[in-house]
Amino acid sequence: MQYLEQRNKQLEDQKAIMELQNIREHHQAAQRRRVELTSLEKEINEDREANLEGVNMHLERLLNKVDKDFALLRHMDFHYRAQNISAKARIKSLKAKLRKATREAKEAKEQDRL
């Protein structure tokens, strides 16, 4: 049991050491990256940011348009479903009237024969 506890402690220590080394490497890499940019590089970065802002605004406009179109399509869907239900009810009513009229016509025809 002591062996497992010692081994577990060693693994935890190794993990902590690796995490510290990783943090140190990231810190050193960040320091290396902190080099002064030339004016041309700064201008390129600003142009890139301006371009990205323009693209973002364009995408927002497209998203708003799609939202409006989606709302319109939902409204149209509701409208045509209501029309469809109304038409089905009217067809059902007309079929019932037709059945009744044909039944009455048959009965009248039978009455005339007698």
PDB file of N, CA and C in Angstrom:
ATOM      1  N   MET A   1       0.828  -1.187   0.000  1.00  0.00           N
ATOM      2  CA  MET A   1       0.000   0.000   0.000  1.00  0.00           C
ATOM      3  C   MET A   1       0.877   1.257   0.000  1.00  0.00           C
ATOM      4  N   GLN A   2       1.979   1.229   0.759  1.00  0.00           N
ATOM      5  CA  GLN A   2       2.870   2.379   0.802  1.00  0.00           C
ATOM      6  C   GLN A   2       3.493   2.626  -0.569  1.00  0.00           C
ATOM      7  N   TYR A   3       3.797   1.567  -1.283  1.00  0.00           N
ATOM      8  CA  TYR A   3       4.387   1.704  -2.612  1.00  0.00           C
ATOM      9  C   TYR A   3       3.449   2.478  -3.528  1.00  0.00           C
ATOM     10  N   LEU A   4       2.161   2.111  -3.507  1.00  0.00           N
ATOM     11  CA  LEU A   4       1.192   2.790  -4.366  1.00  0.00           C
ATOM     12  C   LEU A   4       1.048   4.251  -3.977  1.00  0.00           C
ATOM     13  N   GLU A   5       1.063   4.538  -2.708  1.00  0.00           N
ATOM     14  CA  GLU A   5       0.959   5.915  -2.257  1.00  0.00           C
ATOM     15  C   GLU A   5       2.180   6.719  -2.695  1.00  0.00           C
ATOM     16  N   GLN A   6       3.369   6.120  -2.565  1.00  0.00           N
ATOM     17  CA  GLN A   6       4.580   6.808  -2.989  1.00  0.00           C
ATOM     18  C   GLN A   6       4.580   7.050  -4.494  1.00  0.00           C
ATOM     19  N   ARG A   7       4.172   6.012  -5.229  1.00  0.00           N
ATOM     20  CA  ARG A   7       4.133   6.135  -6.697  1.00  0.00           C
ATOM     21  C   ARG A   7       3.123   7.205  -7.121  1.00  0.00           C
ATOM     22  N   ASN A   8       1.989   7.242  -6.462  1.00  0.00           N
ATOM     23  CA  ASN A   8       0.967   8.236  -6.750  1.00  0.00           C
ATOM     24  C   ASN A   8       1.501   9.638  -6.467  1.00  0.00           C
ATOM     25  N   LYS A   9       2.209   9.794  -5.363  1.00  0.00           N
ATOM     26  CA  LYS A   9       2.802  11.084  -5.003  1.00  0.00           C
ATOM     27  C   LYS A   9       3.832  11.496  -6.047  1.00  0.00           C
ATOM     28  N   GLN A  10       4.653  10.531  -6.508  1.00  0.00           N
ATOM     29  CA  GLN A  10       5.648  10.841  -7.529  1.00  0.00           C
ATOM     30  C   GLN A  10       4.976  11.320  -8.821  1.00  0.00           C
ATOM     31  N   LEU A  11       3.907  10.639  -9.203  1.00  0.00           N
ATOM     32  CA  LEU A  11       3.196  11.017 -10.435  1.00  0.00           C
ATOM     33  C   LEU A  11       2.586  12.416 -10.297  1.00  0.00           C
ATOM     34  N   GLU A  12       2.047  12.715  -9.138  1.00  0.00           N
ATOM     35  CA  GLU A  12       1.481  14.046  -8.922  1.00  0.00           C
ATOM     36  C   GLU A  12       2.567  15.111  -8.980  1.00  0.00           C
ATOM     37  N   ASP A  13       3.738  14.814  -8.379  1.00  0.00           N
ATOM     38  CA  ASP A  13       4.856  15.757  -8.427  1.00  0.00           C
ATOM     39  C   ASP A  13       5.327  15.973  -9.855  1.00  0.00           C
ATOM     40  N   GLN A  14       5.417  14.872 -10.629  1.00  0.00           N
ATOM     41  CA  GLN A  14       5.833  14.988 -12.028  1.00  0.00           C
ATOM     42  C   GLN A  14       4.830  15.832 -12.821  1.00  0.00           C
ATOM     43  N   LYS A  15       3.573  15.627 -12.541  1.00  0.00           N
ATOM     44  CA  LYS A  15       2.532  16.395 -13.237  1.00  0.00           C
ATOM     45  C   LYS A  15       2.664  17.877 -12.907  1.00  0.00           C
ATOM     46  N   ALA A  16       2.872  18.204 -11.651  1.00  0.00           N
ATOM     47  CA  ALA A  16       3.039  19.600 -11.244  1.00  0.00           C
ATOM     48  C   ALA A  16       4.263  20.213 -11.913  1.00  0.00           C
ATOM     49  N   ILE A  17       5.371  19.462 -11.960  1.00  0.00           N
ATOM     50  CA  ILE A  17       6.600  19.959 -12.603  1.00  0.00           C
ATOM     51  C   ILE A  17       6.352  20.208 -14.088  1.00  0.00           C
ATOM     52  N   MET A  18       5.645  19.299 -14.752  1.00  0.00           N
ATOM     53  CA  MET A  18       5.355  19.465 -16.180  1.00  0.00           C
ATOM     54  C   MET A  18       4.472  20.687 -16.417  1.00  0.00           C
ATOM     55  N   GLU A  19       3.503  20.912 -15.532  1.00  0.00           N
ATOM     56  CA  GLU A  19       2.645  22.087 -15.683  1.00  0.00           C
ATOM     57  C   GLU A  19       3.450  23.369 -15.520  1.00  0.00           C
ATOM     58  N   LEU A  20       4.364  23.393 -14.536  1.00  0.00           N
ATOM     59  CA  LEU A  20       5.212  24.579 -14.345  1.00  0.00           C
ATOM     60  C   LEU A  20       6.113  24.812 -15.554  1.00  0.00           C
ATOM     61  N   GLN A  21       6.680  23.730 -16.111  1.00  0.00           N
ATOM     62  CA  GLN A  21       7.517  23.867 -17.305  1.00  0.00           C
ATOM     63  C   GLN A  21       6.703  24.400 -18.480  1.00  0.00           C
ATOM     64  N   ASN A  22       5.492  23.917 -18.605  1.00  0.00           N
ATOM     65  CA  ASN A  22       4.614  24.360 -19.685  1.00  0.00           C
ATOM     66  C   ASN A  22       4.311  25.851 -19.543  1.00  0.00           C
ATOM     67  N   ILE A  23       3.998  26.278 -18.319  1.00  0.00           N
ATOM     68  CA  ILE A  23       3.724  27.706 -18.076  1.00  0.00           C
ATOM     69  C   ILE A  23       4.961  28.538 -18.406  1.00  0.00           C
ATOM     70  N   ARG A  24       6.124  28.063 -17.990  1.00  0.00           N
ATOM     71  CA  ARG A  24       7.372  28.783 -18.246  1.00  0.00           C
ATOM     72  C   ARG A  24       7.641  28.892 -19.742  1.00  0.00           C
ATOM     73  N   GLU A  25       7.418  27.813 -20.480  1.00  0.00           N
ATOM     74  CA  GLU A  25       7.631  27.849 -21.936  1.00  0.00           C
ATOM     75  C   GLU A  25       6.682  28.831 -22.611  1.00  0.00           C
ATOM     76  N   HIS A  26       5.444  28.835 -22.179  1.00  0.00           N
ATOM     77  CA  HIS A  26       4.475  29.782 -22.758  1.00  0.00           C
ATOM     78  C   HIS A  26       4.892  31.217 -22.448  1.00  0.00           C
ATOM     79  N   HIS A  27       5.372  31.458 -21.234  1.00  0.00           N
ATOM     80  CA  HIS A  27       5.805  32.796 -20.852  1.00  0.00           C
ATOM     81  C   HIS A  27       6.992  33.232 -21.708  1.00  0.00           C
ATOM     82  N   GLN A  28       7.958  32.337 -21.910  1.00  0.00           N
ATOM     83  CA  GLN A  28       9.115  32.671 -22.732  1.00  0.00           C
ATOM     84  C   GLN A  28       8.709  32.925 -24.179  1.00  0.00           C
ATOM     85  N   ALA A  29       7.777  32.112 -24.692  1.00  0.00           N
ATOM     86  CA  ALA A  29       7.315  32.311 -26.072  1.00  0.00           C
ATOM     87  C   ALA A  29       6.596  33.647 -26.195  1.00  0.00           C
ATOM     88  N   ALA A  30       5.819  34.015 -25.183  1.00  0.00           N
ATOM     89  CA  ALA A  30       5.118  35.293 -25.220  1.00  0.00           C
ATOM     90  C   ALA A  30       6.108  36.450 -25.193  1.00  0.00           C
ATOM     91  N   GLN A  31       7.183  36.322 -24.430  1.00  0.00           N
ATOM     92  CA  GLN A  31       8.197  37.380 -24.398  1.00  0.00           C
ATOM     93  C   GLN A  31       8.880  37.522 -25.755  1.00  0.00           C
ATOM     94  N   ARG A  32       9.109  36.411 -26.419  1.00  0.00           N
ATOM     95  CA  ARG A  32       9.734  36.467 -27.746  1.00  0.00           C
ATOM     96  C   ARG A  32       8.814  37.137 -28.759  1.00  0.00           C
ATOM     97  N   ARG A  33       7.501  36.941 -28.560  1.00  0.00           N
ATOM     98  CA  ARG A  33       6.533  37.518 -29.505  1.00  0.00           C
ATOM     99  C   ARG A  33       6.345  39.021 -29.301  1.00  0.00           C
ATOM    100  N   ARG A  34       6.777  39.536 -28.169  1.00  0.00           N
ATOM    101  CA  ARG A  34       6.569  40.959 -27.865  1.00  0.00           C
ATOM    102  C   ARG A  34       7.593  41.845 -28.568  1.00  0.00           C
ATOM    103  N   VAL A  35       7.823  41.609 -29.805  1.00  0.00           N
ATOM    104  CA  VAL A  35       8.769  42.397 -30.590  1.00  0.00           C
ATOM    105  C   VAL A  35       7.996  43.575 -31.178  1.00  0.00           C
ATOM    106  N   GLU A  36       8.640  44.705 -31.258  1.00  0.00           N
ATOM    107  CA  GLU A  36       7.993  45.886 -31.827  1.00  0.00           C
ATOM    108  C   GLU A  36       7.638  45.649 -33.297  1.00  0.00           C
ATOM    109  N   LEU A  37       6.440  46.050 -33.656  1.00  0.00           N
ATOM    110  CA  LEU A  37       6.019  45.920 -35.044  1.00  0.00           C
ATOM    111  C   LEU A  37       6.450  47.160 -35.823  1.00  0.00           C
ATOM    112  N   THR A  38       6.791  46.967 -37.067  1.00  0.00           N
ATOM    113  CA  THR A  38       7.143  48.114 -37.899  1.00  0.00           C
ATOM    114  C   THR A  38       5.865  48.853 -38.255  1.00  0.00           C
ATOM    115  N   SER A  39       6.024  50.050 -38.768  1.00  0.00           N
ATOM    116  CA  SER A  39       4.848  50.847 -39.124  1.00  0.00           C
ATOM    117  C   SER A  39       4.037  50.155 -40.220  1.00  0.00           C
ATOM    118  N   LEU A  40       4.718  49.492 -41.147  1.00  0.00           N
ATOM    119  CA  LEU A  40       4.017  48.783 -42.209  1.00  0.00           C
ATOM    120  C   LEU A  40       3.194  47.633 -41.636  1.00  0.00           C
ATOM    121  N   GLU A  41       3.777  46.887 -40.692  1.00  0.00           N
ATOM    122  CA  GLU A  41       3.045  45.782 -40.066  1.00  0.00           C
ATOM    123  C   GLU A  41       1.849  46.298 -39.266  1.00  0.00           C
ATOM    124  N   LYS A  42       2.050  47.435 -38.585  1.00  0.00           N
ATOM    125  CA  LYS A  42       0.931  48.039 -37.840  1.00  0.00           C
ATOM    126  C   LYS A  42      -0.193  48.436 -38.799  1.00  0.00           C
ATOM    127  N   GLU A  43       0.175  49.029 -39.929  1.00  0.00           N
ATOM    128  CA  GLU A  43      -0.821  49.443 -40.914  1.00  0.00           C
ATOM    129  C   GLU A  43      -1.563  48.227 -41.481  1.00  0.00           C
ATOM    130  N   ILE A  44      -0.828  47.154 -41.738  1.00  0.00           N
ATOM    131  CA  ILE A  44      -1.453  45.925 -42.244  1.00  0.00           C
ATOM    132  C   ILE A  44      -2.435  45.376 -41.213  1.00  0.00           C
ATOM    133  N   ASN A  45      -2.035  45.379 -39.942  1.00  0.00           N
ATOM    134  CA  ASN A  45      -2.921  44.885 -38.885  1.00  0.00           C
ATOM    135  C   ASN A  45      -4.173  45.757 -38.768  1.00  0.00           C
ATOM    136  N   GLU A  46      -4.015  47.075 -38.872  1.00  0.00           N
ATOM    137  CA  GLU A  46      -5.167  47.976 -38.802  1.00  0.00           C
ATOM    138  C   GLU A  46      -6.098  47.746 -39.991  1.00  0.00           C
ATOM    139  N   ASP A  47      -5.515  47.582 -41.194  1.00  0.00           N
ATOM    140  CA  ASP A  47      -6.331  47.312 -42.376  1.00  0.00           C
ATOM    141  C   ASP A  47      -7.086  45.996 -42.213  1.00  0.00           C
ATOM    142  N   ARG A  48      -6.407  45.012 -41.661  1.00  0.00           N
ATOM    143  CA  ARG A  48      -7.042  43.712 -41.443  1.00  0.00           C
ATOM    144  C   ARG A  48      -8.215  43.848 -40.470  1.00  0.00           C
ATOM    145  N   GLU A  49      -7.995  44.623 -39.390  1.00  0.00           N
ATOM    146  CA  GLU A  49      -9.066  44.824 -38.419  1.00  0.00           C
ATOM    147  C   GLU A  49     -10.233  45.579 -39.038  1.00  0.00           C
ATOM    148  N   ALA A  50      -9.931  46.617 -39.833  1.00  0.00           N
ATOM    149  CA  ALA A  50     -10.990  47.379 -40.491  1.00  0.00           C
ATOM    150  C   ALA A  50     -11.761  46.484 -41.457  1.00  0.00           C
ATOM    151  N   ASN A  51     -11.024  45.655 -42.194  1.00  0.00           N
ATOM    152  CA  ASN A  51     -11.672  44.737 -43.121  1.00  0.00           C
ATOM    153  C   ASN A  51     -12.567  43.754 -42.379  1.00  0.00           C
ATOM    154  N   LEU A  52     -12.067  43.225 -41.252  1.00  0.00           N
ATOM    155  CA  LEU A  52     -12.863  42.283 -40.475  1.00  0.00           C
ATOM    156  C   LEU A  52     -14.114  42.947 -39.905  1.00  0.00           C
ATOM    157  N   GLU A  53     -13.992  44.217 -39.484  1.00  0.00           N
ATOM    158  CA  GLU A  53     -15.168  44.941 -38.997  1.00  0.00           C
ATOM    159  C   GLU A  53     -16.196  45.111 -40.110  1.00  0.00           C
ATOM    160  N   GLY A  54     -15.711  45.432 -41.309  1.00  0.00           N
ATOM    161  CA  GLY A  54     -16.628  45.580 -42.448  1.00  0.00           C
ATOM    162  C   GLY A  54     -17.319  44.270 -42.776  1.00  0.00           C
ATOM    163  N   VAL A  55     -16.565  43.188 -42.767  1.00  0.00           N
ATOM    164  CA  VAL A  55     -17.143  41.868 -43.031  1.00  0.00           C
ATOM    165  C   VAL A  55     -18.154  41.517 -41.951  1.00  0.00           C
ATOM    166  N   ASN A  56     -17.819  41.839 -40.708  1.00  0.00           N
ATOM    167  CA  ASN A  56     -18.733  41.554 -39.596  1.00  0.00           C
ATOM    168  C   ASN A  56     -20.039  42.323 -39.760  1.00  0.00           C
ATOM    169  N   MET A  57     -19.949  43.605 -40.133  1.00  0.00           N
ATOM    170  CA  MET A  57     -21.164  44.399 -40.345  1.00  0.00           C
ATOM    171  C   MET A  57     -21.990  43.811 -41.493  1.00  0.00           C
ATOM    172  N   HIS A  58     -21.306  43.398 -42.562  1.00  0.00           N
ATOM    173  CA  HIS A  58     -22.002  42.793 -43.702  1.00  0.00           C
ATOM    174  C   HIS A  58     -22.732  41.519 -43.271  1.00  0.00           C
ATOM    175  N   LEU A  59     -22.053  40.679 -42.494  1.00  0.00           N
ATOM    176  CA  LEU A  59     -22.673  39.431 -42.031  1.00  0.00           C
ATOM    177  C   LEU A  59     -23.845  39.705 -41.096  1.00  0.00           C
ATOM    178  N   GLU A  60     -23.734  40.746 -40.270  1.00  0.00           N
ATOM    179  CA  GLU A  60     -24.856  41.105 -39.403  1.00  0.00           C
ATOM    180  C   GLU A  60     -26.071  41.525 -40.227  1.00  0.00           C
ATOM    181  N   ARG A  61     -25.820  42.321 -41.294  1.00  0.00           N
ATOM    182  CA  ARG A  61     -26.926  42.724 -42.173  1.00  0.00           C
ATOM    183  C   ARG A  61     -27.571  41.504 -42.831  1.00  0.00           C
ATOM    184  N   LEU A  62     -26.726  40.584 -43.302  1.00  0.00           N
ATOM    185  CA  LEU A  62     -27.265  39.364 -43.916  1.00  0.00           C
ATOM    186  C   LEU A  62     -28.075  38.555 -42.907  1.00  0.00           C
ATOM    187  N   LEU A  63     -27.585  38.479 -41.682  1.00  0.00           N
ATOM    188  CA  LEU A  63     -28.292  37.738 -40.647  1.00  0.00           C
ATOM    189  C   LEU A  63     -29.640  38.389 -40.350  1.00  0.00           C
ATOM    190  N   ASN A  64     -29.667  39.714 -40.281  1.00  0.00           N
ATOM    191  CA  ASN A  64     -30.942  40.414 -40.052  1.00  0.00           C
ATOM    192  C   ASN A  64     -31.914  40.156 -41.196  1.00  0.00           C
ATOM    193  N   LYS A  65     -31.393  40.171 -42.434  1.00  0.00           N
ATOM    194  CA  LYS A  65     -32.251  39.900 -43.596  1.00  0.00           C
ATOM    195  C   LYS A  65     -32.807  38.483 -43.533  1.00  0.00           C
ATOM    196  N   VAL A  66     -31.962  37.525 -43.176  1.00  0.00           N
ATOM    197  CA  VAL A  66     -32.416  36.138 -43.073  1.00  0.00           C
ATOM    198  C   VAL A  66     -33.462  36.002 -41.972  1.00  0.00           C
ATOM    199  N   ASP A  67     -33.258  36.709 -40.854  1.00  0.00           N
ATOM    200  CA  ASP A  67     -34.253  36.670 -39.776  1.00  0.00           C
ATOM    201  C   ASP A  67     -35.598  37.199 -40.251  1.00  0.00           C
ATOM    202  N   LYS A  68     -35.564  38.315 -41.015  1.00  0.00           N
ATOM    203  CA  LYS A  68     -36.815  38.880 -41.546  1.00  0.00           C
ATOM    204  C   LYS A  68     -37.466  37.899 -42.520  1.00  0.00           C
ATOM    205  N   ASP A  69     -36.649  37.315 -43.403  1.00  0.00           N
ATOM    206  CA  ASP A  69     -37.184  36.350 -44.358  1.00  0.00           C
ATOM    207  C   ASP A  69     -37.788  35.148 -43.646  1.00  0.00           C
ATOM    208  N   PHE A  70     -37.119  34.698 -42.591  1.00  0.00           N
ATOM    209  CA  PHE A  70     -37.617  33.560 -41.833  1.00  0.00           C
ATOM    210  C   PHE A  70     -38.959  33.898 -41.179  1.00  0.00           C
ATOM    211  N   ALA A  71     -39.067  35.109 -40.619  1.00  0.00           N
ATOM    212  CA  ALA A  71     -40.328  35.530 -39.999  1.00  0.00           C
ATOM    213  C   ALA A  71     -41.430  35.583 -41.061  1.00  0.00           C
ATOM    214  N   LEU A  72     -41.100  36.093 -42.244  1.00  0.00           N
ATOM    215  CA  LEU A  72     -42.093  36.148 -43.326  1.00  0.00           C
ATOM    216  C   LEU A  72     -42.518  34.742 -43.738  1.00  0.00           C
ATOM    217  N   LEU A  73     -41.557  33.837 -43.858  1.00  0.00           N
ATOM    218  CA  LEU A  73     -41.886  32.462 -44.236  1.00  0.00           C
ATOM    219  C   LEU A  73     -42.760  31.778 -43.181  1.00  0.00           C
ATOM    220  N   ARG A  74     -42.472  32.047 -41.916  1.00  0.00           N
ATOM    221  CA  ARG A  74     -43.313  31.484 -40.853  1.00  0.00           C
ATOM    222  C   ARG A  74     -44.733  32.013 -40.961  1.00  0.00           C
ATOM    223  N   HIS A  75     -44.863  33.322 -41.245  1.00  0.00           N
ATOM    224  CA  HIS A  75     -46.190  33.918 -41.409  1.00  0.00           C
ATOM    225  C   HIS A  75     -46.910  33.309 -42.614  1.00  0.00           C
ATOM    226  N   MET A  76     -46.170  33.150 -43.717  1.00  0.00           N
ATOM    227  CA  MET A  76     -46.774  32.559 -44.908  1.00  0.00           C
ATOM    228  C   MET A  76     -47.191  31.116 -44.642  1.00  0.00           C
ATOM    229  N   ASP A  77     -46.370  30.370 -43.927  1.00  0.00           N
ATOM    230  CA  ASP A  77     -46.690  28.992 -43.580  1.00  0.00           C
ATOM    231  C   ASP A  77     -47.989  28.939 -42.784  1.00  0.00           C
ATOM    232  N   PHE A  78     -48.095  29.802 -41.782  1.00  0.00           N
ATOM    233  CA  PHE A  78     -49.316  29.836 -40.973  1.00  0.00           C
ATOM    234  C   PHE A  78     -50.521  30.191 -41.834  1.00  0.00           C
ATOM    235  N   HIS A  79     -50.365  31.193 -42.708  1.00  0.00           N
ATOM    236  CA  HIS A  79     -51.460  31.638 -43.566  1.00  0.00           C
ATOM    237  C   HIS A  79     -51.939  30.502 -44.487  1.00  0.00           C
ATOM    238  N   TYR A  80     -50.984  29.832 -45.159  1.00  0.00           N
ATOM    239  CA  TYR A  80     -51.378  28.786 -46.094  1.00  0.00           C
ATOM    240  C   TYR A  80     -51.902  27.540 -45.389  1.00  0.00           C
ATOM    241  N   ARG A  81     -51.399  27.260 -44.185  1.00  0.00           N
ATOM    242  CA  ARG A  81     -51.969  26.146 -43.418  1.00  0.00           C
ATOM    243  C   ARG A  81     -53.419  26.437 -43.060  1.00  0.00           C
ATOM    244  N   ALA A  82     -53.675  27.679 -42.632  1.00  0.00           N
ATOM    245  CA  ALA A  82     -55.054  28.061 -42.291  1.00  0.00           C
ATOM    246  C   ALA A  82     -55.941  27.967 -43.531  1.00  0.00           C
ATOM    247  N   GLN A  83     -55.440  28.426 -44.664  1.00  0.00           N
ATOM    248  CA  GLN A  83     -56.211  28.325 -45.908  1.00  0.00           C
ATOM    249  C   GLN A  83     -56.477  26.869 -46.261  1.00  0.00           C
ATOM    250  N   ASN A  84     -55.481  26.019 -46.089  1.00  0.00           N
ATOM    251  CA  ASN A  84     -55.609  24.601 -46.402  1.00  0.00           C
ATOM    252  C   ASN A  84     -56.661  23.952 -45.507  1.00  0.00           C
ATOM    253  N   ILE A  85     -56.610  24.251 -44.221  1.00  0.00           N
ATOM    254  CA  ILE A  85     -57.591  23.686 -43.292  1.00  0.00           C
ATOM    255  C   ILE A  85     -58.992  24.148 -43.662  1.00  0.00           C
ATOM    256  N   SER A  86     -59.125  25.437 -43.989  1.00  0.00           N
ATOM    257  CA  SER A  86     -60.426  25.981 -44.378  1.00  0.00           C
ATOM    258  C   SER A  86     -60.928  25.308 -45.659  1.00  0.00           C
ATOM    259  N   ALA A  87     -60.039  25.111 -46.633  1.00  0.00           N
ATOM    260  CA  ALA A  87     -60.444  24.481 -47.890  1.00  0.00           C
ATOM    261  C   ALA A  87     -60.850  23.025 -47.660  1.00  0.00           C
ATOM    262  N   LYS A  88     -60.113  22.314 -46.798  1.00  0.00           N
ATOM    263  CA  LYS A  88     -60.476  20.927 -46.504  1.00  0.00           C
ATOM    264  C   LYS A  88     -61.847  20.849 -45.843  1.00  0.00           C
ATOM    265  N   ALA A  89     -62.116  21.781 -44.930  1.00  0.00           N
ATOM    266  CA  ALA A  89     -63.433  21.797 -44.276  1.00  0.00           C
ATOM    267  C   ALA A  89     -64.526  22.088 -45.293  1.00  0.00           C
ATOM    268  N   ARG A  90     -64.264  23.007 -46.220  1.00  0.00           N
ATOM    269  CA  ARG A  90     -65.265  23.342 -47.255  1.00  0.00           C
ATOM    270  C   ARG A  90     -65.503  22.146 -48.168  1.00  0.00           C
ATOM    271  N   ILE A  91     -64.419  21.438 -48.534  1.00  0.00           N
ATOM    272  CA  ILE A  91     -64.556  20.245 -49.378  1.00  0.00           C
ATOM    273  C   ILE A  91     -65.393  19.192 -48.655  1.00  0.00           C
ATOM    274  N   LYS A  92     -65.113  19.003 -47.383  1.00  0.00           N
ATOM    275  CA  LYS A  92     -65.860  18.025 -46.595  1.00  0.00           C
ATOM    276  C   LYS A  92     -67.343  18.394 -46.552  1.00  0.00           C
ATOM    277  N   SER A  93     -67.623  19.674 -46.354  1.00  0.00           N
ATOM    278  CA  SER A  93     -69.016  20.148 -46.314  1.00  0.00           C
ATOM    279  C   SER A  93     -69.698  19.941 -47.670  1.00  0.00           C
ATOM    280  N   LEU A  94     -68.988  20.276 -48.749  1.00  0.00           N
ATOM    281  CA  LEU A  94     -69.572  20.121 -50.085  1.00  0.00           C
ATOM    282  C   LEU A  94     -69.797  18.653 -50.428  1.00  0.00           C
ATOM    283  N   LYS A  95     -68.873  17.778 -50.002  1.00  0.00           N
ATOM    284  CA  LYS A  95     -69.068  16.344 -50.235  1.00  0.00           C
ATOM    285  C   LYS A  95     -70.301  15.843 -49.498  1.00  0.00           C
ATOM    286  N   ALA A  96     -70.485  16.327 -48.262  1.00  0.00           N
ATOM    287  CA  ALA A  96     -71.668  15.919 -47.496  1.00  0.00           C
ATOM    288  C   ALA A  96     -72.937  16.395 -48.191  1.00  0.00           C
ATOM    289  N   LYS A  97     -72.924  17.637 -48.678  1.00  0.00           N
ATOM    290  CA  LYS A  97     -74.095  18.164 -49.404  1.00  0.00           C
ATOM    291  C   LYS A  97     -74.358  17.353 -50.670  1.00  0.00           C
ATOM    292  N   LEU A  98     -73.281  16.984 -51.392  1.00  0.00           N
ATOM    293  CA  LEU A  98     -73.422  16.196 -52.611  1.00  0.00           C
ATOM    294  C   LEU A  98     -74.003  14.817 -52.300  1.00  0.00           C
ATOM    295  N   ARG A  99     -73.484  14.168 -51.234  1.00  0.00           N
ATOM    296  CA  ARG A  99     -74.040  12.864 -50.841  1.00  0.00           C
ATOM    297  C   ARG A  99     -75.528  12.981 -50.517  1.00  0.00           C
ATOM    298  N   LYS A 100     -75.853  14.040 -49.786  1.00  0.00           N
ATOM    299  CA  LYS A 100     -77.255  14.242 -49.398  1.00  0.00           C
ATOM    300  C   LYS A 100     -78.116  14.474 -50.644  1.00  0.00           C
ATOM    301  N   ALA A 101     -77.618  15.297 -51.565  1.00  0.00           N
ATOM    302  CA  ALA A 101     -78.386  15.592 -52.784  1.00  0.00           C
ATOM    303  C   ALA A 101     -78.542  14.334 -53.640  1.00  0.00           C
ATOM    304  N   THR A 102     -77.492  13.519 -53.783  1.00  0.00           N
ATOM    305  CA  THR A 102     -77.613  12.301 -54.593  1.00  0.00           C
ATOM    306  C   THR A 102     -78.549  11.301 -53.919  1.00  0.00           C
ATOM    307  N   ARG A 103     -78.488  11.224 -52.586  1.00  0.00           N
ATOM    308  CA  ARG A 103     -79.377  10.339 -51.856  1.00  0.00           C
ATOM    309  C   ARG A 103     -80.844  10.787 -52.066  1.00  0.00           C
ATOM    310  N   GLU A 104     -81.087  12.088 -51.969  1.00  0.00           N
ATOM    311  CA  GLU A 104     -82.449  12.608 -52.178  1.00  0.00           C
ATOM    312  C   GLU A 104     -82.910  12.386 -53.616  1.00  0.00           C
ATOM    313  N   ALA A 105     -81.984  12.521 -54.573  1.00  0.00           N
ATOM    314  CA  ALA A 105     -82.338  12.309 -55.982  1.00  0.00           C
ATOM    315  C   ALA A 105     -82.694  10.844 -56.213  1.00  0.00           C
ATOM    316  N   LYS A 106     -81.925   9.938 -55.597  1.00  0.00           N
ATOM    317  CA  LYS A 106     -82.239   8.515 -55.731  1.00  0.00           C
ATOM    318  C   LYS A 106     -83.601   8.202 -55.110  1.00  0.00           C
ATOM    319  N   GLU A 107     -83.841   8.787 -53.942  1.00  0.00           N
ATOM    320  CA  GLU A 107     -85.129   8.548 -53.286  1.00  0.00           C
ATOM    321  C   GLU A 107     -86.280   9.097 -54.112  1.00  0.00           C
ATOM    322  N   ALA A 108     -86.094  10.265 -54.703  1.00  0.00           N
ATOM    323  CA  ALA A 108     -87.134  10.873 -55.542  1.00  0.00           C
ATOM    324  C   ALA A 108     -87.364  10.015 -56.780  1.00  0.00           C
ATOM    325  N   LYS A 109     -86.278   9.468 -57.342  1.00  0.00           N
ATOM    326  CA  LYS A 109     -86.389   8.622 -58.518  1.00  0.00           C
ATOM    327  C   LYS A 109     -87.167   7.342 -58.181  1.00  0.00           C
ATOM    328  N   GLU A 110     -86.863   6.779 -57.001  1.00  0.00           N
ATOM    329  CA  GLU A 110     -87.573   5.572 -56.563  1.00  0.00           C
ATOM    330  C   GLU A 110     -89.041   5.885 -56.303  1.00  0.00           C
ATOM    331  N   GLN A 111     -89.325   7.059 -55.785  1.00  0.00           N
ATOM    332  CA  GLN A 111     -90.717   7.459 -55.509  1.00  0.00           C
ATOM    333  C   GLN A 111     -91.471   7.605 -56.840  1.00  0.00           C
ATOM    334  N   ASP A 112     -90.798   8.133 -57.850  1.00  0.00           N
ATOM    335  CA  ASP A 112     -91.435   8.328 -59.151  1.00  0.00           C
ATOM    336  C   ASP A 112     -91.748   6.973 -59.799  1.00  0.00           C
ATOM    337  N   ARG A 113     -90.892   5.983 -59.566  1.00  0.00           N
ATOM    338  CA  ARG A 113     -91.118   4.669 -60.149  1.00  0.00           C
ATOM    339  C   ARG A 113     -92.328   3.995 -59.543  1.00  0.00           C
ATOM    340  N   LEU A 114     -92.544   4.229 -58.289  1.00  0.00           N
ATOM    341  CA  LEU A 114     -93.644   3.557 -57.589  1.00  0.00           C
ATOM    342  C   LEU A 114     -94.915   4.232 -57.914  1.00  0.00           C
TER     343      LEU A 114
END
